[in-house]
């Protein structure tokens, strides 16, 4: 994996989950303020510990990167 690979970027995983949650809302946000509210509500609806899973996966991800010869990031 290159250092900037999506597999190494847990922020992208979290962002994708947040955007997916907002896209599922009905009605969809129509104004910037609606979007902000939808993002905040979706963030608060993540189950407890949701963010811990990607963080805890980092040693495995970095280990895979090192084994693949990607070097330190």
PDB file of N, CA and C in Angstrom:
ATOM      1  N   UNK A   1       0.837  -1.190   0.000  1.00  0.00           N
ATOM      2  CA  UNK A   1       0.000   0.000   0.000  1.00  0.00           C
ATOM      3  C   UNK A   1       0.870   1.237   0.000  1.00  0.00           C
ATOM      4  N   UNK A   2       0.588   2.163  -0.846  1.00  0.00           N
ATOM      5  CA  UNK A   2       1.291   3.434  -0.715  1.00  0.00           C
ATOM      6  C   UNK A   2       0.813   4.173   0.534  1.00  0.00           C
ATOM      7  N   UNK A   3       1.635   5.053   1.076  1.00  0.00           N
ATOM      8  CA  UNK A   3       1.271   5.742   2.315  1.00  0.00           C
ATOM      9  C   UNK A   3      -0.068   6.474   2.262  1.00  0.00           C
ATOM     10  N   UNK A   4      -0.472   6.966   1.102  1.00  0.00           N
ATOM     11  CA  UNK A   4      -1.733   7.708   1.011  1.00  0.00           C
ATOM     12  C   UNK A   4      -2.878   6.821   0.530  1.00  0.00           C
ATOM     13  N   UNK A   5      -2.690   5.540   0.581  1.00  0.00           N
ATOM     14  CA  UNK A   5      -3.717   4.591   0.158  1.00  0.00           C
ATOM     15  C   UNK A   5      -4.964   4.745   1.017  1.00  0.00           C
ATOM     16  N   UNK A   6      -6.173   4.571   0.414  1.00  0.00           N
ATOM     17  CA  UNK A   6      -7.397   4.639   1.221  1.00  0.00           C
ATOM     18  C   UNK A   6      -7.401   3.637   2.369  1.00  0.00           C
ATOM     19  N   UNK A   7      -6.702   2.514   2.215  1.00  0.00           N
ATOM     20  CA  UNK A   7      -6.661   1.521   3.280  1.00  0.00           C
ATOM     21  C   UNK A   7      -5.962   2.054   4.527  1.00  0.00           C
ATOM     22  N   UNK A   8      -5.163   3.088   4.367  1.00  0.00           N
ATOM     23  CA  UNK A   8      -4.443   3.663   5.501  1.00  0.00           C
ATOM     24  C   UNK A   8      -5.143   4.894   6.071  1.00  0.00           C
ATOM     25  N   UNK A   9      -6.202   5.345   5.421  1.00  0.00           N
ATOM     26  CA  UNK A   9      -6.843   6.590   5.832  1.00  0.00           C
ATOM     27  C   UNK A   9      -8.193   6.305   6.478  1.00  0.00           C
ATOM     28  N   UNK A  10      -8.200   6.177   7.799  1.00  0.00           N
ATOM     29  CA  UNK A  10      -9.454   5.872   8.491  1.00  0.00           C
ATOM     30  C   UNK A  10     -10.420   7.048   8.444  1.00  0.00           C
ATOM     31  N   UNK A  11      -9.916   8.243   8.223  1.00  0.00           N
ATOM     32  CA  UNK A  11     -10.795   9.413   8.120  1.00  0.00           C
ATOM     33  C   UNK A  11     -11.727   9.252   6.926  1.00  0.00           C
ATOM     34  N   UNK A  12     -11.209   8.716   5.808  1.00  0.00           N
ATOM     35  CA  UNK A  12     -12.057   8.500   4.633  1.00  0.00           C
ATOM     36  C   UNK A  12     -13.162   7.498   4.939  1.00  0.00           C
ATOM     37  N   UNK A  13     -12.853   6.450   5.684  1.00  0.00           N
ATOM     38  CA  UNK A  13     -13.873   5.459   6.054  1.00  0.00           C
ATOM     39  C   UNK A  13     -14.987   6.117   6.863  1.00  0.00           C
ATOM     40  N   UNK A  14     -14.605   6.936   7.812  1.00  0.00           N
ATOM     41  CA  UNK A  14     -15.582   7.603   8.679  1.00  0.00           C
ATOM     42  C   UNK A  14     -16.386   8.625   7.879  1.00  0.00           C
ATOM     43  N   UNK A  15     -15.699   9.374   7.019  1.00  0.00           N
ATOM     44  CA  UNK A  15     -16.395  10.351   6.173  1.00  0.00           C
ATOM     45  C   UNK A  15     -17.415   9.662   5.271  1.00  0.00           C
ATOM     46  N   UNK A  16     -17.026   8.540   4.664  1.00  0.00           N
ATOM     47  CA  UNK A  16     -17.943   7.808   3.792  1.00  0.00           C
ATOM     48  C   UNK A  16     -19.177   7.333   4.550  1.00  0.00           C
ATOM     49  N   UNK A  17     -18.986   6.834   5.763  1.00  0.00           N
ATOM     50  CA  UNK A  17     -20.121   6.380   6.573  1.00  0.00           C
ATOM     51  C   UNK A  17     -21.036   7.548   6.924  1.00  0.00           C
ATOM     52  N   UNK A  18     -20.448   8.684   7.234  1.00  0.00           N
ATOM     53  CA  UNK A  18     -21.232   9.869   7.579  1.00  0.00           C
ATOM     54  C   UNK A  18     -22.023  10.364   6.363  1.00  0.00           C
ATOM     55  N   UNK A  19     -21.371  10.431   5.206  1.00  0.00           N
ATOM     56  CA  UNK A  19     -22.060  10.879   3.998  1.00  0.00           C
ATOM     57  C   UNK A  19     -23.172   9.915   3.607  1.00  0.00           C
ATOM     58  N   UNK A  20     -22.918   8.623   3.747  1.00  0.00           N
ATOM     59  CA  UNK A  20     -23.941   7.621   3.439  1.00  0.00           C
ATOM     60  C   UNK A  20     -25.154   7.806   4.351  1.00  0.00           C
ATOM     61  N   UNK A  21     -24.912   8.064   5.615  1.00  0.00           N
ATOM     62  CA  UNK A  21     -26.011   8.274   6.564  1.00  0.00           C
ATOM     63  C   UNK A  21     -26.823   9.510   6.183  1.00  0.00           C
ATOM     64  N   UNK A  22     -26.151  10.570   5.745  1.00  0.00           N
ATOM     65  CA  UNK A  22     -26.854  11.795   5.347  1.00  0.00           C
ATOM     66  C   UNK A  22     -27.650  11.553   4.062  1.00  0.00           C
ATOM     67  N   UNK A  23     -27.064  10.810   3.121  1.00  0.00           N
ATOM     68  CA  UNK A  23     -27.748  10.535   1.855  1.00  0.00           C
ATOM     69  C   UNK A  23     -29.029   9.731   2.054  1.00  0.00           C
ATOM     70  N   UNK A  24     -29.084   8.909   3.107  1.00  0.00           N
ATOM     71  CA  UNK A  24     -30.266   8.086   3.366  1.00  0.00           C
ATOM     72  C   UNK A  24     -31.405   8.882   3.991  1.00  0.00           C
ATOM     73  N   UNK A  25     -31.143  10.086   4.434  1.00  0.00           N
ATOM     74  CA  UNK A  25     -32.170  10.878   5.122  1.00  0.00           C
ATOM     75  C   UNK A  25     -33.280  11.295   4.159  1.00  0.00           C
ATOM     76  N   UNK A  26     -34.473  11.317   4.701  1.00  0.00           N
ATOM     77  CA  UNK A  26     -35.617  11.766   3.929  1.00  0.00           C
ATOM     78  C   UNK A  26     -36.410  12.737   4.787  1.00  0.00           C
ATOM     79  N   UNK A  27     -36.616  13.924   4.316  1.00  0.00           N
ATOM     80  CA  UNK A  27     -36.170  14.484   3.037  1.00  0.00           C
ATOM     81  C   UNK A  27     -34.683  14.830   3.090  1.00  0.00           C
ATOM     82  N   UNK A  28     -34.050  14.909   1.919  1.00  0.00           N
ATOM     83  CA  UNK A  28     -32.625  15.256   1.905  1.00  0.00           C
ATOM     84  C   UNK A  28     -32.415  16.711   2.330  1.00  0.00           C
ATOM     85  N   UNK A  29     -31.235  17.015   2.841  1.00  0.00           N
ATOM     86  CA  UNK A  29     -30.946  18.405   3.218  1.00  0.00           C
ATOM     87  C   UNK A  29     -31.012  19.310   1.983  1.00  0.00           C
ATOM     88  N   UNK A  30     -31.630  20.467   2.140  1.00  0.00           N
ATOM     89  CA  UNK A  30     -31.796  21.384   0.999  1.00  0.00           C
ATOM     90  C   UNK A  30     -30.958  22.657   1.137  1.00  0.00           C
ATOM     91  N   UNK A  31     -30.604  23.009   2.331  1.00  0.00           N
ATOM     92  CA  UNK A  31     -29.827  24.236   2.551  1.00  0.00           C
ATOM     93  C   UNK A  31     -28.541  23.867   3.285  1.00  0.00           C
ATOM     94  N   UNK A  32     -27.558  24.762   3.284  1.00  0.00           N
ATOM     95  CA  UNK A  32     -26.345  24.483   4.054  1.00  0.00           C
ATOM     96  C   UNK A  32     -26.638  24.207   5.534  1.00  0.00           C
ATOM     97  N   UNK A  33     -27.604  24.915   6.100  1.00  0.00           N
ATOM     98  CA  UNK A  33     -27.941  24.691   7.509  1.00  0.00           C
ATOM     99  C   UNK A  33     -28.583  23.314   7.695  1.00  0.00           C
ATOM    100  N   UNK A  34     -29.433  22.901   6.736  1.00  0.00           N
ATOM    101  CA  UNK A  34     -30.019  21.554   6.783  1.00  0.00           C
ATOM    102  C   UNK A  34     -28.917  20.500   6.725  1.00  0.00           C
ATOM    103  N   UNK A  35     -27.926  20.740   5.860  1.00  0.00           N
ATOM    104  CA  UNK A  35     -26.819  19.790   5.732  1.00  0.00           C
ATOM    105  C   UNK A  35     -26.033  19.713   7.032  1.00  0.00           C
ATOM    106  N   UNK A  36     -25.749  20.843   7.628  1.00  0.00           N
ATOM    107  CA  UNK A  36     -25.019  20.856   8.900  1.00  0.00           C
ATOM    108  C   UNK A  36     -25.789  20.085   9.966  1.00  0.00           C
ATOM    109  N   UNK A  37     -27.081  20.324  10.046  1.00  0.00           N
ATOM    110  CA  UNK A  37     -27.913  19.621  11.027  1.00  0.00           C
ATOM    111  C   UNK A  37     -27.917  18.124  10.755  1.00  0.00           C
ATOM    112  N   UNK A  38     -28.042  17.738   9.476  1.00  0.00           N
ATOM    113  CA  UNK A  38     -28.050  16.314   9.116  1.00  0.00           C
ATOM    114  C   UNK A  38     -26.719  15.656   9.461  1.00  0.00           C
ATOM    115  N   UNK A  39     -25.611  16.356   9.204  1.00  0.00           N
ATOM    116  CA  UNK A  39     -24.291  15.812   9.544  1.00  0.00           C
ATOM    117  C   UNK A  39     -24.145  15.636  11.054  1.00  0.00           C
ATOM    118  N   UNK A  40     -24.560  16.641  11.804  1.00  0.00           N
ATOM    119  CA  UNK A  40     -24.458  16.554  13.264  1.00  0.00           C
ATOM    120  C   UNK A  40     -25.345  15.436  13.809  1.00  0.00           C
ATOM    121  N   UNK A  41     -26.571  15.347  13.308  1.00  0.00           N
ATOM    122  CA  UNK A  41     -27.479  14.293  13.770  1.00  0.00           C
ATOM    123  C   UNK A  41     -26.935  12.913  13.424  1.00  0.00           C
ATOM    124  N   UNK A  42     -26.424  12.766  12.192  1.00  0.00           N
ATOM    125  CA  UNK A  42     -25.876  11.474  11.769  1.00  0.00           C
ATOM    126  C   UNK A  42     -24.667  11.097  12.615  1.00  0.00           C
ATOM    127  N   UNK A  43     -23.822  12.078  12.921  1.00  0.00           N
ATOM    128  CA  UNK A  43     -22.647  11.832  13.761  1.00  0.00           C
ATOM    129  C   UNK A  43     -23.080  11.311  15.129  1.00  0.00           C
ATOM    130  N   UNK A  44     -24.090  11.956  15.697  1.00  0.00           N
ATOM    131  CA  UNK A  44     -24.562  11.566  17.031  1.00  0.00           C
ATOM    132  C   UNK A  44     -25.258  10.207  17.027  1.00  0.00           C
ATOM    133  N   UNK A  45     -25.731   9.768  15.870  1.00  0.00           N
ATOM    134  CA  UNK A  45     -26.415   8.484  15.767  1.00  0.00           C
ATOM    135  C   UNK A  45     -25.457   7.308  15.575  1.00  0.00           C
ATOM    136  N   UNK A  46     -24.168   7.586  15.349  1.00  0.00           N
ATOM    137  CA  UNK A  46     -23.216   6.477  15.268  1.00  0.00           C
ATOM    138  C   UNK A  46     -23.254   5.723  16.587  1.00  0.00           C
ATOM    139  N   UNK A  47     -23.202   4.395  16.536  1.00  0.00           N
ATOM    140  CA  UNK A  47     -23.244   3.636  17.785  1.00  0.00           C
ATOM    141  C   UNK A  47     -22.019   3.917  18.652  1.00  0.00           C
ATOM    142  N   UNK A  48     -22.169   3.766  19.975  1.00  0.00           N
ATOM    143  CA  UNK A  48     -21.012   3.951  20.857  1.00  0.00           C
ATOM    144  C   UNK A  48     -19.869   3.029  20.414  1.00  0.00           C
ATOM    145  N   UNK A  49     -18.685   3.560  20.402  1.00  0.00           N
ATOM    146  CA  UNK A  49     -17.524   2.761  20.020  1.00  0.00           C
ATOM    147  C   UNK A  49     -17.299   2.678  18.522  1.00  0.00           C
ATOM    148  N   UNK A  50     -18.158   3.315  17.704  1.00  0.00           N
ATOM    149  CA  UNK A  50     -18.020   3.227  16.250  1.00  0.00           C
ATOM    150  C   UNK A  50     -16.638   3.682  15.783  1.00  0.00           C
ATOM    151  N   UNK A  51     -16.154   4.771  16.338  1.00  0.00           N
ATOM    152  CA  UNK A  51     -14.858   5.300  15.920  1.00  0.00           C
ATOM    153  C   UNK A  51     -13.701   4.464  16.437  1.00  0.00           C
ATOM    154  N   UNK A  52     -13.939   3.703  17.476  1.00  0.00           N
ATOM    155  CA  UNK A  52     -12.871   2.896  18.053  1.00  0.00           C
ATOM    156  C   UNK A  52     -12.449   1.766  17.110  1.00  0.00           C
ATOM    157  N   UNK A  53     -13.389   1.225  16.336  1.00  0.00           N
ATOM    158  CA  UNK A  53     -13.072   0.113  15.442  1.00  0.00           C
ATOM    159  C   UNK A  53     -12.006   0.490  14.416  1.00  0.00           C
ATOM    160  N   UNK A  54     -12.165   1.599  13.666  1.00  0.00           N
ATOM    161  CA  UNK A  54     -11.101   1.939  12.718  1.00  0.00           C
ATOM    162  C   UNK A  54      -9.779   2.276  13.403  1.00  0.00           C
ATOM    163  N   UNK A  55      -9.847   2.913  14.562  1.00  0.00           N
ATOM    164  CA  UNK A  55      -8.613   3.244  15.282  1.00  0.00           C
ATOM    165  C   UNK A  55      -7.898   1.961  15.693  1.00  0.00           C
ATOM    166  N   UNK A  56      -8.651   1.003  16.205  1.00  0.00           N
ATOM    167  CA  UNK A  56      -8.039  -0.261  16.631  1.00  0.00           C
ATOM    168  C   UNK A  56      -7.513  -1.077  15.453  1.00  0.00           C
ATOM    169  N   UNK A  57      -7.971  -0.796  14.239  1.00  0.00           N
ATOM    170  CA  UNK A  57      -7.490  -1.531  13.068  1.00  0.00           C
ATOM    171  C   UNK A  57      -6.144  -1.005  12.570  1.00  0.00           C
ATOM    172  N   UNK A  58      -5.688   0.129  13.072  1.00  0.00           N
ATOM    173  CA  UNK A  58      -4.457   0.732  12.561  1.00  0.00           C
ATOM    174  C   UNK A  58      -3.214  -0.138  12.732  1.00  0.00           C
ATOM    175  N   UNK A  59      -3.004  -0.818  13.868  1.00  0.00           N
ATOM    176  CA  UNK A  59      -1.817  -1.674  13.938  1.00  0.00           C
ATOM    177  C   UNK A  59      -1.804  -2.745  12.835  1.00  0.00           C
ATOM    178  N   UNK A  60      -2.972  -3.317  12.536  1.00  0.00           N
ATOM    179  CA  UNK A  60      -3.055  -4.325  11.472  1.00  0.00           C
ATOM    180  C   UNK A  60      -2.774  -3.679  10.114  1.00  0.00           C
ATOM    181  N   UNK A  61      -3.334  -2.508   9.883  1.00  0.00           N
ATOM    182  CA  UNK A  61      -3.135  -1.820   8.605  1.00  0.00           C
ATOM    183  C   UNK A  61      -1.674  -1.434   8.406  1.00  0.00           C
ATOM    184  N   UNK A  62      -1.063  -0.885   9.452  1.00  0.00           N
ATOM    185  CA  UNK A  62       0.342  -0.482   9.356  1.00  0.00           C
ATOM    186  C   UNK A  62       1.226  -1.716   9.203  1.00  0.00           C
ATOM    187  N   UNK A  63       0.906  -2.786   9.925  1.00  0.00           N
ATOM    188  CA  UNK A  63       1.665  -4.028   9.780  1.00  0.00           C
ATOM    189  C   UNK A  63       1.619  -4.541   8.350  1.00  0.00           C
ATOM    190  N   UNK A  64       0.443  -4.494   7.739  1.00  0.00           N
ATOM    191  CA  UNK A  64       0.311  -4.912   6.342  1.00  0.00           C
ATOM    192  C   UNK A  64       1.111  -4.028   5.409  1.00  0.00           C
ATOM    193  N   UNK A  65       1.122  -2.744   5.689  1.00  0.00           N
ATOM    194  CA  UNK A  65       1.898  -1.804   4.885  1.00  0.00           C
ATOM    195  C   UNK A  65       3.386  -2.123   4.979  1.00  0.00           C
ATOM    196  N   UNK A  66       3.849  -2.374   6.191  1.00  0.00           N
ATOM    197  CA  UNK A  66       5.273  -2.685   6.376  1.00  0.00           C
ATOM    198  C   UNK A  66       5.643  -4.006   5.710  1.00  0.00           C
ATOM    199  N   UNK A  67       4.775  -5.007   5.830  1.00  0.00           N
ATOM    200  CA  UNK A  67       5.048  -6.295   5.189  1.00  0.00           C
ATOM    201  C   UNK A  67       5.080  -6.171   3.672  1.00  0.00           C
ATOM    202  N   UNK A  68       4.294  -5.257   3.134  1.00  0.00           N
ATOM    203  CA  UNK A  68       4.253  -5.056   1.687  1.00  0.00           C
ATOM    204  C   UNK A  68       5.422  -4.200   1.199  1.00  0.00           C
ATOM    205  N   UNK A  69       6.272  -3.761   2.123  1.00  0.00           N
ATOM    206  CA  UNK A  69       7.438  -2.972   1.743  1.00  0.00           C
ATOM    207  C   UNK A  69       7.120  -1.509   1.506  1.00  0.00           C
ATOM    208  N   UNK A  70       6.012  -1.041   2.077  1.00  0.00           N
ATOM    209  CA  UNK A  70       5.605   0.347   1.877  1.00  0.00           C
ATOM    210  C   UNK A  70       6.380   1.333   2.717  1.00  0.00           C
ATOM    211  N   UNK A  71       7.092   0.855   3.699  1.00  0.00           N
ATOM    212  CA  UNK A  71       7.864   1.752   4.544  1.00  0.00           C
ATOM    213  C   UNK A  71       7.001   2.502   5.528  1.00  0.00           C
ATOM    214  N   UNK A  72       7.633   3.329   6.322  1.00  0.00           N
ATOM    215  CA  UNK A  72       6.924   4.106   7.326  1.00  0.00           C
ATOM    216  C   UNK A  72       6.200   5.271   6.672  1.00  0.00           C
ATOM    217  N   UNK A  73       5.062   5.630   7.239  1.00  0.00           N
ATOM    218  CA  UNK A  73       4.304   6.755   6.679  1.00  0.00           C
ATOM    219  C   UNK A  73       4.496   7.977   7.543  1.00  0.00           C
TER     220      UNK A  73
END
